[in-house]
């Protein structure tokens, strides 16, 4: 099965200047919960933005 996780603004933007449009700690925790142990396809900037 393939799933997608994305947060978009009302104008369909997903980011600006290589940054998320907002910082929502609970959303980031949920993303981690959903993706831990799974294969993830993401861009380089997303990879670099993840905490170590």
C-alpha atoms as a PDB file:
ATOM      1  CA  UNK A   1       0.000   0.000   0.000  1.00  0.00           C
ATOM      2  CA  UNK A   2       1.163   3.540  -0.743  1.00  0.00           C
ATOM      3  CA  UNK A   3       0.125   6.471   1.448  1.00  0.00           C
ATOM      4  CA  UNK A   4       0.856  10.179   1.288  1.00  0.00           C
ATOM      5  CA  UNK A   5       1.116  12.674   4.121  1.00  0.00           C
ATOM      6  CA  UNK A   6       0.953  16.354   3.254  1.00  0.00           C
ATOM      7  CA  UNK A   7      -0.132  19.567   4.942  1.00  0.00           C
ATOM      8  CA  UNK A   8      -1.230  22.343   2.630  1.00  0.00           C
ATOM      9  CA  UNK A   9      -2.402  25.912   3.123  1.00  0.00           C
ATOM     10  CA  UNK A  10      -5.683  27.203   1.740  1.00  0.00           C
ATOM     11  CA  UNK A  11      -3.776  28.480  -1.310  1.00  0.00           C
ATOM     12  CA  UNK A  12      -2.336  24.944  -1.779  1.00  0.00           C
ATOM     13  CA  UNK A  13       1.168  25.985  -0.714  1.00  0.00           C
ATOM     14  CA  UNK A  14       3.283  23.423   1.141  1.00  0.00           C
ATOM     15  CA  UNK A  15       6.209  25.660   2.046  1.00  0.00           C
ATOM     16  CA  UNK A  16       8.029  28.909   1.455  1.00  0.00           C
ATOM     17  CA  UNK A  17      11.774  29.560   1.205  1.00  0.00           C
ATOM     18  CA  UNK A  18      12.538  25.891   1.992  1.00  0.00           C
ATOM     19  CA  UNK A  19      10.582  26.115   5.257  1.00  0.00           C
ATOM     20  CA  UNK A  20       7.254  24.772   6.437  1.00  0.00           C
ATOM     21  CA  UNK A  21       4.513  27.387   6.543  1.00  0.00           C
ATOM     22  CA  UNK A  22       3.910  26.689  10.225  1.00  0.00           C
ATOM     23  CA  UNK A  23       5.492  24.848  13.152  1.00  0.00           C
ATOM     24  CA  UNK A  24       3.041  22.530  14.881  1.00  0.00           C
ATOM     25  CA  UNK A  25       4.803  20.180  17.326  1.00  0.00           C
ATOM     26  CA  UNK A  26       1.822  17.802  17.525  1.00  0.00           C
ATOM     27  CA  UNK A  27       1.790  17.455  13.722  1.00  0.00           C
ATOM     28  CA  UNK A  28       5.498  16.609  13.747  1.00  0.00           C
ATOM     29  CA  UNK A  29       4.929  14.010  16.490  1.00  0.00           C
ATOM     30  CA  UNK A  30       2.098  12.472  14.450  1.00  0.00           C
ATOM     31  CA  UNK A  31       4.316  12.402  11.340  1.00  0.00           C
ATOM     32  CA  UNK A  32       6.990  10.571  13.325  1.00  0.00           C
ATOM     33  CA  UNK A  33       4.432   8.121  14.720  1.00  0.00           C
ATOM     34  CA  UNK A  34       3.061   7.342  11.254  1.00  0.00           C
ATOM     35  CA  UNK A  35       6.432   7.011   9.512  1.00  0.00           C
ATOM     36  CA  UNK A  36       8.736   5.332  12.052  1.00  0.00           C
ATOM     37  CA  UNK A  37       9.775   1.946  10.712  1.00  0.00           C
ATOM     38  CA  UNK A  38       8.376   2.655   7.246  1.00  0.00           C
ATOM     39  CA  UNK A  39      10.036   3.339   3.900  1.00  0.00           C
ATOM     40  CA  UNK A  40       9.767   7.047   3.149  1.00  0.00           C
ATOM     41  CA  UNK A  41      10.384   8.931  -0.091  1.00  0.00           C
ATOM     42  CA  UNK A  42      11.325  12.575   0.496  1.00  0.00           C
ATOM     43  CA  UNK A  43      13.429  15.313  -0.959  1.00  0.00           C
ATOM     44  CA  UNK A  44      16.901  16.287   0.193  1.00  0.00           C
ATOM     45  CA  UNK A  45      15.772  19.424   2.013  1.00  0.00           C
ATOM     46  CA  UNK A  46      13.160  17.474   3.946  1.00  0.00           C
ATOM     47  CA  UNK A  47      15.789  14.890   4.883  1.00  0.00           C
ATOM     48  CA  UNK A  48      18.170  17.615   6.051  1.00  0.00           C
ATOM     49  CA  UNK A  49      15.434  19.288   8.103  1.00  0.00           C
ATOM     50  CA  UNK A  50      14.783  16.209  10.243  1.00  0.00           C
ATOM     51  CA  UNK A  51      16.256  16.215  13.748  1.00  0.00           C
ATOM     52  CA  UNK A  52      19.185  13.878  14.342  1.00  0.00           C
END
